[in-house]
Amino acid sequence: VAKDLGLQLPALKDRDAHVFDAGRTLYFFLDLQNGHLSMMEQVDREEICAAVAKCVLNFEILVKRPM
């Protein structure tokens, strides 16, 4: 994530980077030690969007100071 945003790795922690999921379940986490975006647990596609052909999980990454 740091690389994709053009930041040095320590900047993620210094700028209080957070991942926000759209729903009640948190599917993603941002490891501030290595800058990797990972899944919290295995995702069950049938449970999340069984009736939809294209399954999409939306999330946002907020990086503060400055926005």
N, C-alpha and C. Protein backbone atom coordinates (compact mmCIF):
# COMPACT_ATOMS: atom_id res chain seq x y z
N VAL A 1 0.83 -1.18 0.00
CA VAL A 1 0.00 0.00 0.00
C VAL A 1 0.88 1.26 0.00
N ALA A 2 1.92 1.25 0.81
CA ALA A 2 2.80 2.42 0.84
C ALA A 2 3.38 2.68 -0.56
N LYS A 3 3.81 1.64 -1.21
CA LYS A 3 4.38 1.77 -2.56
C LYS A 3 3.34 2.31 -3.54
N ASP A 4 2.12 1.78 -3.48
CA ASP A 4 1.06 2.23 -4.38
C ASP A 4 0.68 3.69 -4.14
N LEU A 5 0.79 4.14 -2.89
CA LEU A 5 0.47 5.53 -2.55
C LEU A 5 1.66 6.47 -2.71
N GLY A 6 2.83 5.91 -3.02
CA GLY A 6 4.03 6.73 -3.17
C GLY A 6 4.58 7.23 -1.85
N LEU A 7 4.38 6.44 -0.78
CA LEU A 7 4.86 6.81 0.55
C LEU A 7 5.97 5.88 1.00
N GLN A 8 6.81 6.37 1.90
CA GLN A 8 7.77 5.51 2.57
C GLN A 8 7.01 4.70 3.61
N LEU A 9 7.46 3.50 3.91
CA LEU A 9 6.76 2.61 4.84
C LEU A 9 6.45 3.26 6.19
N PRO A 10 7.39 3.96 6.84
CA PRO A 10 7.07 4.58 8.14
C PRO A 10 5.94 5.61 8.06
N ALA A 11 5.70 6.17 6.89
CA ALA A 11 4.65 7.18 6.73
C ALA A 11 3.26 6.61 6.97
N LEU A 12 3.05 5.31 6.71
CA LEU A 12 1.74 4.71 6.96
C LEU A 12 1.39 4.80 8.44
N LYS A 13 2.34 4.49 9.29
CA LYS A 13 2.10 4.56 10.73
C LYS A 13 2.04 6.01 11.19
N ASP A 14 2.97 6.83 10.72
CA ASP A 14 3.02 8.24 11.12
C ASP A 14 1.76 9.00 10.72
N ARG A 15 1.18 8.61 9.60
CA ARG A 15 -0.01 9.31 9.09
C ARG A 15 -1.30 8.57 9.44
N ASP A 16 -1.22 7.60 10.35
CA ASP A 16 -2.40 6.92 10.90
C ASP A 16 -3.28 6.30 9.82
N ALA A 17 -2.68 5.49 8.94
CA ALA A 17 -3.43 4.84 7.86
C ALA A 17 -4.37 3.77 8.42
N HIS A 18 -5.60 3.74 7.89
CA HIS A 18 -6.61 2.77 8.32
C HIS A 18 -7.38 2.25 7.11
N VAL A 19 -7.87 1.02 7.23
CA VAL A 19 -8.75 0.43 6.22
C VAL A 19 -10.16 0.46 6.76
N PHE A 20 -11.10 0.88 5.91
CA PHE A 20 -12.51 0.90 6.28
C PHE A 20 -13.28 0.05 5.28
N ASP A 21 -14.01 -0.94 5.80
CA ASP A 21 -14.88 -1.77 4.96
C ASP A 21 -16.27 -1.16 4.93
N ALA A 22 -17.01 -1.45 3.87
CA ALA A 22 -18.34 -0.89 3.72
C ALA A 22 -19.38 -1.54 4.65
N GLY A 23 -19.21 -2.81 4.96
CA GLY A 23 -20.21 -3.53 5.75
C GLY A 23 -19.86 -3.67 7.21
N ARG A 24 -20.59 -4.54 7.89
CA ARG A 24 -20.37 -4.77 9.32
C ARG A 24 -19.14 -5.65 9.56
N THR A 25 -18.85 -6.55 8.62
CA THR A 25 -17.72 -7.46 8.77
C THR A 25 -16.45 -6.83 8.22
N LEU A 26 -15.38 -6.89 8.97
CA LEU A 26 -14.09 -6.39 8.51
C LEU A 26 -13.36 -7.51 7.77
N TYR A 27 -13.17 -7.33 6.47
CA TYR A 27 -12.52 -8.34 5.66
C TYR A 27 -11.03 -8.08 5.46
N PHE A 28 -10.61 -6.82 5.57
CA PHE A 28 -9.24 -6.45 5.26
C PHE A 28 -8.54 -5.83 6.45
N PHE A 29 -7.21 -5.95 6.48
CA PHE A 29 -6.43 -5.21 7.46
C PHE A 29 -5.14 -4.74 6.80
N LEU A 30 -4.65 -3.62 7.27
CA LEU A 30 -3.42 -3.03 6.75
C LEU A 30 -2.34 -3.22 7.79
N ASP A 31 -1.32 -4.00 7.46
CA ASP A 31 -0.20 -4.23 8.37
C ASP A 31 0.75 -3.04 8.24
N LEU A 32 0.82 -2.23 9.27
CA LEU A 32 1.64 -1.01 9.23
C LEU A 32 3.12 -1.30 9.35
N GLN A 33 3.49 -2.53 9.71
CA GLN A 33 4.90 -2.90 9.81
C GLN A 33 5.52 -3.16 8.43
N ASN A 34 4.71 -3.77 7.52
CA ASN A 34 5.26 -4.11 6.21
C ASN A 34 4.49 -3.47 5.04
N GLY A 35 3.37 -2.80 5.33
CA GLY A 35 2.61 -2.12 4.29
C GLY A 35 1.71 -3.01 3.46
N HIS A 36 1.52 -4.26 3.86
CA HIS A 36 0.70 -5.19 3.09
C HIS A 36 -0.77 -5.10 3.47
N LEU A 37 -1.63 -5.16 2.48
CA LEU A 37 -3.06 -5.25 2.67
C LEU A 37 -3.42 -6.72 2.61
N SER A 38 -4.05 -7.24 3.64
CA SER A 38 -4.35 -8.67 3.72
C SER A 38 -5.80 -8.89 4.13
N MET A 39 -6.24 -10.14 3.97
CA MET A 39 -7.57 -10.55 4.40
C MET A 39 -7.53 -10.93 5.87
N MET A 40 -8.57 -10.58 6.61
CA MET A 40 -8.68 -10.95 8.02
C MET A 40 -8.89 -12.46 8.15
N GLU A 41 -9.68 -13.02 7.25
CA GLU A 41 -9.98 -14.44 7.25
C GLU A 41 -10.41 -14.85 5.85
N GLN A 42 -10.57 -16.12 5.63
CA GLN A 42 -11.00 -16.60 4.33
C GLN A 42 -12.43 -16.11 4.08
N VAL A 43 -12.70 -15.67 2.87
CA VAL A 43 -14.00 -15.11 2.51
C VAL A 43 -14.84 -16.19 1.85
N ASP A 44 -16.08 -16.34 2.32
CA ASP A 44 -17.03 -17.28 1.75
C ASP A 44 -17.90 -16.55 0.74
N ARG A 45 -17.58 -16.71 -0.54
CA ARG A 45 -18.28 -16.00 -1.60
C ARG A 45 -19.77 -16.30 -1.60
N GLU A 46 -20.14 -17.55 -1.35
CA GLU A 46 -21.55 -17.93 -1.34
C GLU A 46 -22.32 -17.20 -0.24
N GLU A 47 -21.68 -16.94 0.86
CA GLU A 47 -22.33 -16.24 1.96
C GLU A 47 -22.47 -14.75 1.68
N ILE A 48 -21.47 -14.17 1.03
CA ILE A 48 -21.45 -12.73 0.81
C ILE A 48 -22.33 -12.30 -0.35
N CYS A 49 -22.20 -12.98 -1.47
CA CYS A 49 -22.95 -12.54 -2.67
C CYS A 49 -23.33 -13.72 -3.55
N ALA A 50 -24.09 -14.63 -2.99
CA ALA A 50 -24.49 -15.84 -3.71
C ALA A 50 -25.38 -15.55 -4.91
N ALA A 51 -26.22 -14.53 -4.82
CA ALA A 51 -27.18 -14.25 -5.89
C ALA A 51 -26.61 -13.35 -6.99
N VAL A 52 -25.36 -12.97 -6.88
CA VAL A 52 -24.76 -12.03 -7.83
C VAL A 52 -23.62 -12.71 -8.58
N ALA A 53 -23.58 -12.53 -9.88
CA ALA A 53 -22.52 -13.15 -10.69
C ALA A 53 -21.15 -12.53 -10.41
N LYS A 54 -21.12 -11.22 -10.22
CA LYS A 54 -19.86 -10.51 -9.97
C LYS A 54 -19.83 -10.08 -8.51
N CYS A 55 -18.89 -10.63 -7.76
CA CYS A 55 -18.79 -10.35 -6.32
C CYS A 55 -17.70 -9.31 -6.08
N VAL A 56 -18.08 -8.22 -5.42
CA VAL A 56 -17.14 -7.13 -5.16
C VAL A 56 -17.19 -6.76 -3.68
N LEU A 57 -16.02 -6.65 -3.05
CA LEU A 57 -15.91 -6.17 -1.69
C LEU A 57 -15.27 -4.80 -1.73
N ASN A 58 -16.00 -3.79 -1.30
CA ASN A 58 -15.48 -2.43 -1.33
C ASN A 58 -14.83 -2.07 -0.01
N PHE A 59 -13.77 -1.29 -0.09
CA PHE A 59 -13.10 -0.78 1.10
C PHE A 59 -12.41 0.52 0.74
N GLU A 60 -12.06 1.27 1.77
CA GLU A 60 -11.33 2.52 1.59
C GLU A 60 -10.12 2.52 2.50
N ILE A 61 -9.09 3.20 2.08
CA ILE A 61 -7.90 3.40 2.91
C ILE A 61 -7.81 4.90 3.18
N LEU A 62 -7.80 5.26 4.45
CA LEU A 62 -7.70 6.65 4.85
C LEU A 62 -6.30 6.90 5.40
N VAL A 63 -5.64 7.90 4.85
CA VAL A 63 -4.30 8.30 5.31
C VAL A 63 -4.42 9.75 5.75
N LYS A 64 -4.18 10.01 7.03
CA LYS A 64 -4.32 11.35 7.60
C LYS A 64 -3.00 12.13 7.56
N ARG A 65 -3.07 13.35 7.97
CA ARG A 65 -1.92 14.24 8.21
C ARG A 65 -1.00 14.40 7.02
N PRO A 66 -1.18 15.12 6.06
CA PRO A 66 -2.44 15.72 5.62
C PRO A 66 -3.23 14.70 4.83
N MET A 67 -4.51 15.00 4.64
CA MET A 67 -5.39 14.11 3.87
C MET A 67 -4.93 14.11 2.44
